[in-house]
């Protein structure tokens, strides 16, 4: 995202530092997720996760999103 905001800052002559633009973007995305009351989950994903959990298989999830955004998304 820093490259994205660096590019926008240059293209549109934005005055704010890139760090401030990144923080604003993160806050707005987190807010948008918190305000959602429904998320579409691809068919079969929930049953797959439940089956793997019942089988004792450990699961992990990786994301490049900021933890503020990740924490705003409700667990299935």
PDB file of N, CA and C in Angstrom:
ATOM      1  N   UNK A   1       0.812  -1.191   0.000  1.00  0.00           N
ATOM      2  CA  UNK A   1       0.000   0.000   0.000  1.00  0.00           C
ATOM      3  C   UNK A   1       0.857   1.258   0.000  1.00  0.00           C
ATOM      4  N   UNK A   2       2.060   1.173   0.548  1.00  0.00           N
ATOM      5  CA  UNK A   2       2.883   2.378   0.582  1.00  0.00           C
ATOM      6  C   UNK A   2       3.262   2.832  -0.830  1.00  0.00           C
ATOM      7  N   UNK A   3       3.508   1.884  -1.738  1.00  0.00           N
ATOM      8  CA  UNK A   3       3.802   2.257  -3.124  1.00  0.00           C
ATOM      9  C   UNK A   3       2.574   2.901  -3.779  1.00  0.00           C
ATOM     10  N   UNK A   4       1.403   2.356  -3.481  1.00  0.00           N
ATOM     11  CA  UNK A   4       0.155   2.890  -4.012  1.00  0.00           C
ATOM     12  C   UNK A   4      -0.028   4.341  -3.574  1.00  0.00           C
ATOM     13  N   UNK A   5       0.093   4.589  -2.263  1.00  0.00           N
ATOM     14  CA  UNK A   5      -0.101   5.947  -1.751  1.00  0.00           C
ATOM     15  C   UNK A   5       1.025   6.885  -2.167  1.00  0.00           C
ATOM     16  N   UNK A   6       2.234   6.373  -2.325  1.00  0.00           N
ATOM     17  CA  UNK A   6       3.331   7.200  -2.824  1.00  0.00           C
ATOM     18  C   UNK A   6       3.018   7.670  -4.239  1.00  0.00           C
ATOM     19  N   UNK A   7       2.500   6.761  -5.048  1.00  0.00           N
ATOM     20  CA  UNK A   7       2.130   7.092  -6.420  1.00  0.00           C
ATOM     21  C   UNK A   7       0.994   8.120  -6.456  1.00  0.00           C
ATOM     22  N   UNK A   8      -0.040   7.904  -5.648  1.00  0.00           N
ATOM     23  CA  UNK A   8      -1.162   8.856  -5.613  1.00  0.00           C
ATOM     24  C   UNK A   8      -0.716  10.218  -5.098  1.00  0.00           C
ATOM     25  N   UNK A   9       0.135  10.215  -4.094  1.00  0.00           N
ATOM     26  CA  UNK A   9       0.640  11.465  -3.526  1.00  0.00           C
ATOM     27  C   UNK A   9       1.347  12.285  -4.609  1.00  0.00           C
ATOM     28  N   UNK A  10       2.175  11.613  -5.380  1.00  0.00           N
ATOM     29  CA  UNK A  10       2.920  12.286  -6.454  1.00  0.00           C
ATOM     30  C   UNK A  10       1.975  12.745  -7.570  1.00  0.00           C
ATOM     31  N   UNK A  11       1.090  11.842  -8.003  1.00  0.00           N
ATOM     32  CA  UNK A  11       0.197  12.141  -9.131  1.00  0.00           C
ATOM     33  C   UNK A  11      -0.734  13.320  -8.846  1.00  0.00           C
ATOM     34  N   UNK A  12      -1.260  13.369  -7.615  1.00  0.00           N
ATOM     35  CA  UNK A  12      -2.247  14.396  -7.282  1.00  0.00           C
ATOM     36  C   UNK A  12      -1.697  15.486  -6.363  1.00  0.00           C
ATOM     37  N   UNK A  13      -0.403  15.516  -6.212  1.00  0.00           N
ATOM     38  CA  UNK A  13       0.266  16.535  -5.385  1.00  0.00           C
ATOM     39  C   UNK A  13      -0.348  16.639  -3.985  1.00  0.00           C
ATOM     40  N   UNK A  14      -0.551  15.482  -3.360  1.00  0.00           N
ATOM     41  CA  UNK A  14      -1.124  15.460  -2.014  1.00  0.00           C
ATOM     42  C   UNK A  14      -0.087  15.959  -1.012  1.00  0.00           C
ATOM     43  N   UNK A  15      -0.530  16.723  -0.057  1.00  0.00           N
ATOM     44  CA  UNK A  15       0.388  17.314   0.918  1.00  0.00           C
ATOM     45  C   UNK A  15       0.699  16.387   2.089  1.00  0.00           C
ATOM     46  N   UNK A  16      -0.227  15.506   2.444  1.00  0.00           N
ATOM     47  CA  UNK A  16      -0.049  14.649   3.610  1.00  0.00           C
ATOM     48  C   UNK A  16       1.115  13.680   3.394  1.00  0.00           C
ATOM     49  N   UNK A  17       1.838  13.366   4.477  1.00  0.00           N
ATOM     50  CA  UNK A  17       2.888  12.337   4.378  1.00  0.00           C
ATOM     51  C   UNK A  17       2.260  10.975   4.049  1.00  0.00           C
ATOM     52  N   UNK A  18       3.018  10.131   3.387  1.00  0.00           N
ATOM     53  CA  UNK A  18       2.530   8.800   3.013  1.00  0.00           C
ATOM     54  C   UNK A  18       2.046   8.042   4.243  1.00  0.00           C
ATOM     55  N   UNK A  19       2.756   8.171   5.362  1.00  0.00           N
ATOM     56  CA  UNK A  19       2.366   7.473   6.598  1.00  0.00           C
ATOM     57  C   UNK A  19       0.963   7.896   7.034  1.00  0.00           C
ATOM     58  N   UNK A  20       0.632   9.168   6.887  1.00  0.00           N
ATOM     59  CA  UNK A  20      -0.702   9.659   7.258  1.00  0.00           C
ATOM     60  C   UNK A  20      -1.765   9.119   6.306  1.00  0.00           C
ATOM     61  N   UNK A  21      -1.455   9.072   5.028  1.00  0.00           N
ATOM     62  CA  UNK A  21      -2.394   8.522   4.043  1.00  0.00           C
ATOM     63  C   UNK A  21      -2.634   7.035   4.302  1.00  0.00           C
ATOM     64  N   UNK A  22      -1.571   6.307   4.620  1.00  0.00           N
ATOM     65  CA  UNK A  22      -1.704   4.879   4.949  1.00  0.00           C
ATOM     66  C   UNK A  22      -2.570   4.679   6.192  1.00  0.00           C
ATOM     67  N   UNK A  23      -2.345   5.483   7.211  1.00  0.00           N
ATOM     68  CA  UNK A  23      -3.127   5.361   8.440  1.00  0.00           C
ATOM     69  C   UNK A  23      -4.602   5.649   8.178  1.00  0.00           C
ATOM     70  N   UNK A  24      -4.872   6.665   7.372  1.00  0.00           N
ATOM     71  CA  UNK A  24      -6.261   7.004   7.033  1.00  0.00           C
ATOM     72  C   UNK A  24      -6.910   5.860   6.260  1.00  0.00           C
ATOM     73  N   UNK A  25      -6.194   5.321   5.275  1.00  0.00           N
ATOM     74  CA  UNK A  25      -6.706   4.211   4.480  1.00  0.00           C
ATOM     75  C   UNK A  25      -7.019   3.007   5.364  1.00  0.00           C
ATOM     76  N   UNK A  26      -6.113   2.667   6.251  1.00  0.00           N
ATOM     77  CA  UNK A  26      -6.316   1.537   7.157  1.00  0.00           C
ATOM     78  C   UNK A  26      -7.533   1.762   8.046  1.00  0.00           C
ATOM     79  N   UNK A  27      -7.645   2.944   8.608  1.00  0.00           N
ATOM     80  CA  UNK A  27      -8.776   3.263   9.489  1.00  0.00           C
ATOM     81  C   UNK A  27     -10.101   3.181   8.739  1.00  0.00           C
ATOM     82  N   UNK A  28     -10.140   3.677   7.519  1.00  0.00           N
ATOM     83  CA  UNK A  28     -11.386   3.653   6.731  1.00  0.00           C
ATOM     84  C   UNK A  28     -11.773   2.234   6.321  1.00  0.00           C
ATOM     85  N   UNK A  29     -10.783   1.414   5.965  1.00  0.00           N
ATOM     86  CA  UNK A  29     -11.098   0.023   5.615  1.00  0.00           C
ATOM     87  C   UNK A  29     -11.591  -0.745   6.836  1.00  0.00           C
ATOM     88  N   UNK A  30     -10.955  -0.535   7.988  1.00  0.00           N
ATOM     89  CA  UNK A  30     -11.393  -1.199   9.214  1.00  0.00           C
ATOM     90  C   UNK A  30     -12.815  -0.773   9.566  1.00  0.00           C
ATOM     91  N   UNK A  31     -13.096   0.511   9.457  1.00  0.00           N
ATOM     92  CA  UNK A  31     -14.443   1.032   9.745  1.00  0.00           C
ATOM     93  C   UNK A  31     -15.482   0.396   8.812  1.00  0.00           C
ATOM     94  N   UNK A  32     -15.151   0.298   7.539  1.00  0.00           N
ATOM     95  CA  UNK A  32     -16.078  -0.305   6.570  1.00  0.00           C
ATOM     96  C   UNK A  32     -16.385  -1.751   6.925  1.00  0.00           C
ATOM     97  N   UNK A  33     -15.375  -2.518   7.325  1.00  0.00           N
ATOM     98  CA  UNK A  33     -15.614  -3.910   7.713  1.00  0.00           C
ATOM     99  C   UNK A  33     -16.438  -4.005   8.994  1.00  0.00           C
ATOM    100  N   UNK A  34     -16.165  -3.134   9.969  1.00  0.00           N
ATOM    101  CA  UNK A  34     -16.941  -3.159  11.215  1.00  0.00           C
ATOM    102  C   UNK A  34     -18.411  -2.844  10.972  1.00  0.00           C
ATOM    103  N   UNK A  35     -18.702  -2.038   9.977  1.00  0.00           N
ATOM    104  CA  UNK A  35     -20.078  -1.629   9.703  1.00  0.00           C
ATOM    105  C   UNK A  35     -20.836  -2.636   8.849  1.00  0.00           C
ATOM    106  N   UNK A  36     -20.134  -3.628   8.313  1.00  0.00           N
ATOM    107  CA  UNK A  36     -20.805  -4.663   7.521  1.00  0.00           C
ATOM    108  C   UNK A  36     -21.571  -5.598   8.440  1.00  0.00           C
ATOM    109  N   UNK A  37     -22.781  -5.958   8.040  1.00  0.00           N
ATOM    110  CA  UNK A  37     -23.542  -6.906   8.851  1.00  0.00           C
ATOM    111  C   UNK A  37     -23.616  -8.281   8.192  1.00  0.00           C
ATOM    112  N   UNK A  38     -23.006  -8.408   7.015  1.00  0.00           N
ATOM    113  CA  UNK A  38     -23.044  -9.693   6.310  1.00  0.00           C
ATOM    114  C   UNK A  38     -21.830  -9.809   5.399  1.00  0.00           C
ATOM    115  N   UNK A  39     -21.245 -10.980   5.395  1.00  0.00           N
ATOM    116  CA  UNK A  39     -20.137 -11.263   4.487  1.00  0.00           C
ATOM    117  C   UNK A  39     -20.468 -12.535   3.725  1.00  0.00           C
ATOM    118  N   UNK A  40     -20.290 -12.505   2.422  1.00  0.00           N
ATOM    119  CA  UNK A  40     -20.499 -13.697   1.614  1.00  0.00           C
ATOM    120  C   UNK A  40     -19.256 -14.578   1.695  1.00  0.00           C
ATOM    121  N   UNK A  41     -19.465 -15.806   2.113  1.00  0.00           N
ATOM    122  CA  UNK A  41     -18.374 -16.771   2.213  1.00  0.00           C
ATOM    123  C   UNK A  41     -18.558 -17.757   1.059  1.00  0.00           C
ATOM    124  N   UNK A  42     -17.505 -18.033   0.308  1.00  0.00           N
ATOM    125  CA  UNK A  42     -17.633 -18.978  -0.808  1.00  0.00           C
ATOM    126  C   UNK A  42     -18.222 -20.315  -0.341  1.00  0.00           C
ATOM    127  N   UNK A  43     -19.067 -20.876  -1.172  1.00  0.00           N
ATOM    128  CA  UNK A  43     -19.733 -22.140  -0.876  1.00  0.00           C
ATOM    129  C   UNK A  43     -18.723 -23.210  -0.484  1.00  0.00           C
ATOM    130  N   UNK A  44     -18.997 -23.879   0.611  1.00  0.00           N
ATOM    131  CA  UNK A  44     -18.174 -24.998   1.051  1.00  0.00           C
ATOM    132  C   UNK A  44     -17.045 -24.635   2.000  1.00  0.00           C
ATOM    133  N   UNK A  45     -16.719 -23.376   2.124  1.00  0.00           N
ATOM    134  CA  UNK A  45     -15.588 -22.980   2.962  1.00  0.00           C
ATOM    135  C   UNK A  45     -15.869 -23.261   4.440  1.00  0.00           C
ATOM    136  N   UNK A  46     -17.039 -22.883   4.922  1.00  0.00           N
ATOM    137  CA  UNK A  46     -17.365 -23.080   6.335  1.00  0.00           C
ATOM    138  C   UNK A  46     -17.374 -24.574   6.670  1.00  0.00           C
ATOM    139  N   UNK A  47     -17.995 -25.386   5.831  1.00  0.00           N
ATOM    140  CA  UNK A  47     -18.039 -26.827   6.116  1.00  0.00           C
ATOM    141  C   UNK A  47     -16.636 -27.435   6.033  1.00  0.00           C
ATOM    142  N   UNK A  48     -15.818 -26.965   5.133  1.00  0.00           N
ATOM    143  CA  UNK A  48     -14.434 -27.461   5.038  1.00  0.00           C
ATOM    144  C   UNK A  48     -13.664 -27.146   6.318  1.00  0.00           C
ATOM    145  N   UNK A  49     -13.768 -25.911   6.777  1.00  0.00           N
ATOM    146  CA  UNK A  49     -13.053 -25.514   8.003  1.00  0.00           C
ATOM    147  C   UNK A  49     -13.537 -26.335   9.193  1.00  0.00           C
ATOM    148  N   UNK A  50     -14.844 -26.523   9.301  1.00  0.00           N
ATOM    149  CA  UNK A  50     -15.393 -27.322  10.409  1.00  0.00           C
ATOM    150  C   UNK A  50     -14.919 -28.769  10.323  1.00  0.00           C
ATOM    151  N   UNK A  51     -14.874 -29.332   9.131  1.00  0.00           N
ATOM    152  CA  UNK A  51     -14.410 -30.713   8.947  1.00  0.00           C
ATOM    153  C   UNK A  51     -12.940 -30.857   9.335  1.00  0.00           C
ATOM    154  N   UNK A  52     -12.128 -29.908   8.923  1.00  0.00           N
ATOM    155  CA  UNK A  52     -10.709 -29.947   9.265  1.00  0.00           C
ATOM    156  C   UNK A  52     -10.504 -29.815  10.769  1.00  0.00           C
ATOM    157  N   UNK A  53     -11.296 -28.947  11.388  1.00  0.00           N
ATOM    158  CA  UNK A  53     -11.194 -28.769  12.838  1.00  0.00           C
ATOM    159  C   UNK A  53     -11.582 -30.054  13.574  1.00  0.00           C
ATOM    160  N   UNK A  54     -12.675 -30.689  13.142  1.00  0.00           N
ATOM    161  CA  UNK A  54     -13.108 -31.951  13.761  1.00  0.00           C
ATOM    162  C   UNK A  54     -12.046 -33.032  13.605  1.00  0.00           C
ATOM    163  N   UNK A  55     -11.326 -32.994  12.501  1.00  0.00           N
ATOM    164  CA  UNK A  55     -10.280 -33.983  12.240  1.00  0.00           C
ATOM    165  C   UNK A  55      -8.992 -33.652  12.981  1.00  0.00           C
ATOM    166  N   UNK A  56      -8.977 -32.538  13.717  1.00  0.00           N
ATOM    167  CA  UNK A  56      -7.798 -32.175  14.484  1.00  0.00           C
ATOM    168  C   UNK A  56      -6.668 -31.568  13.661  1.00  0.00           C
ATOM    169  N   UNK A  57      -7.011 -31.099  12.487  1.00  0.00           N
ATOM    170  CA  UNK A  57      -6.003 -30.501  11.613  1.00  0.00           C
ATOM    171  C   UNK A  57      -5.860 -29.019  11.957  1.00  0.00           C
ATOM    172  N   UNK A  58      -4.645 -28.597  12.213  1.00  0.00           N
ATOM    173  CA  UNK A  58      -4.387 -27.204  12.538  1.00  0.00           C
ATOM    174  C   UNK A  58      -4.563 -26.338  11.297  1.00  0.00           C
ATOM    175  N   UNK A  59      -5.090 -25.161  11.521  1.00  0.00           N
ATOM    176  CA  UNK A  59      -5.304 -24.228  10.419  1.00  0.00           C
ATOM    177  C   UNK A  59      -4.553 -22.929  10.688  1.00  0.00           C
ATOM    178  N   UNK A  60      -4.199 -22.260   9.621  1.00  0.00           N
ATOM    179  CA  UNK A  60      -3.554 -20.947   9.732  1.00  0.00           C
ATOM    180  C   UNK A  60      -4.101 -20.058   8.625  1.00  0.00           C
ATOM    181  N   UNK A  61      -4.060 -18.773   8.876  1.00  0.00           N
ATOM    182  CA  UNK A  61      -4.509 -17.807   7.888  1.00  0.00           C
ATOM    183  C   UNK A  61      -3.456 -16.710   7.795  1.00  0.00           C
ATOM    184  N   UNK A  62      -3.067 -16.392   6.585  1.00  0.00           N
ATOM    185  CA  UNK A  62      -2.077 -15.336   6.381  1.00  0.00           C
ATOM    186  C   UNK A  62      -2.731 -14.176   5.647  1.00  0.00           C
ATOM    187  N   UNK A  63      -2.322 -12.988   5.990  1.00  0.00           N
ATOM    188  CA  UNK A  63      -2.846 -11.800   5.337  1.00  0.00           C
ATOM    189  C   UNK A  63      -1.785 -10.706   5.348  1.00  0.00           C
ATOM    190  N   UNK A  64      -1.797  -9.900   4.312  1.00  0.00           N
ATOM    191  CA  UNK A  64      -0.903  -8.751   4.283  1.00  0.00           C
ATOM    192  C   UNK A  64      -1.616  -7.496   4.789  1.00  0.00           C
ATOM    193  N   UNK A  65      -2.874  -7.652   5.209  1.00  0.00           N
ATOM    194  CA  UNK A  65      -3.624  -6.512   5.732  1.00  0.00           C
ATOM    195  C   UNK A  65      -3.123  -6.119   7.116  1.00  0.00           C
ATOM    196  N   UNK A  66      -3.341  -4.882   7.461  1.00  0.00           N
ATOM    197  CA  UNK A  66      -2.999  -4.375   8.790  1.00  0.00           C
ATOM    198  C   UNK A  66      -3.875  -5.088   9.819  1.00  0.00           C
ATOM    199  N   UNK A  67      -3.364  -5.307  11.014  1.00  0.00           N
ATOM    200  CA  UNK A  67      -4.136  -6.009  12.048  1.00  0.00           C
ATOM    201  C   UNK A  67      -5.421  -5.268  12.413  1.00  0.00           C
ATOM    202  N   UNK A  68      -5.459  -3.950  12.270  1.00  0.00           N
ATOM    203  CA  UNK A  68      -6.704  -3.209  12.527  1.00  0.00           C
ATOM    204  C   UNK A  68      -7.806  -3.637  11.565  1.00  0.00           C
ATOM    205  N   UNK A  69      -7.432  -3.900  10.326  1.00  0.00           N
ATOM    206  CA  UNK A  69      -8.406  -4.344   9.332  1.00  0.00           C
ATOM    207  C   UNK A  69      -8.799  -5.795   9.604  1.00  0.00           C
ATOM    208  N   UNK A  70      -7.829  -6.642   9.881  1.00  0.00           N
ATOM    209  CA  UNK A  70      -8.109  -8.055  10.151  1.00  0.00           C
ATOM    210  C   UNK A  70      -9.021  -8.194  11.358  1.00  0.00           C
ATOM    211  N   UNK A  71      -8.727  -7.467  12.434  1.00  0.00           N
ATOM    212  CA  UNK A  71      -9.528  -7.561  13.645  1.00  0.00           C
ATOM    213  C   UNK A  71     -10.948  -7.043  13.450  1.00  0.00           C
ATOM    214  N   UNK A  72     -11.182  -6.228  12.425  1.00  0.00           N
ATOM    215  CA  UNK A  72     -12.516  -5.682  12.171  1.00  0.00           C
ATOM    216  C   UNK A  72     -13.415  -6.674  11.453  1.00  0.00           C
ATOM    217  N   UNK A  73     -12.832  -7.736  10.914  1.00  0.00           N
ATOM    218  CA  UNK A  73     -13.609  -8.730  10.170  1.00  0.00           C
ATOM    219  C   UNK A  73     -14.062  -9.821  11.131  1.00  0.00           C
ATOM    220  N   UNK A  74     -15.393 -10.028  11.234  1.00  0.00           N
ATOM    221  CA  UNK A  74     -15.890 -11.051  12.166  1.00  0.00           C
ATOM    222  C   UNK A  74     -15.503 -12.455  11.735  1.00  0.00           C
ATOM    223  N   UNK A  75     -15.266 -13.314  12.711  1.00  0.00           N
ATOM    224  CA  UNK A  75     -14.970 -14.711  12.411  1.00  0.00           C
ATOM    225  C   UNK A  75     -16.235 -15.422  11.974  1.00  0.00           C
ATOM    226  N   UNK A  76     -16.054 -16.414  11.116  1.00  0.00           N
ATOM    227  CA  UNK A  76     -17.194 -17.201  10.632  1.00  0.00           C
ATOM    228  C   UNK A  76     -17.681 -18.111  11.726  1.00  0.00           C
TER     229      UNK A  76
END
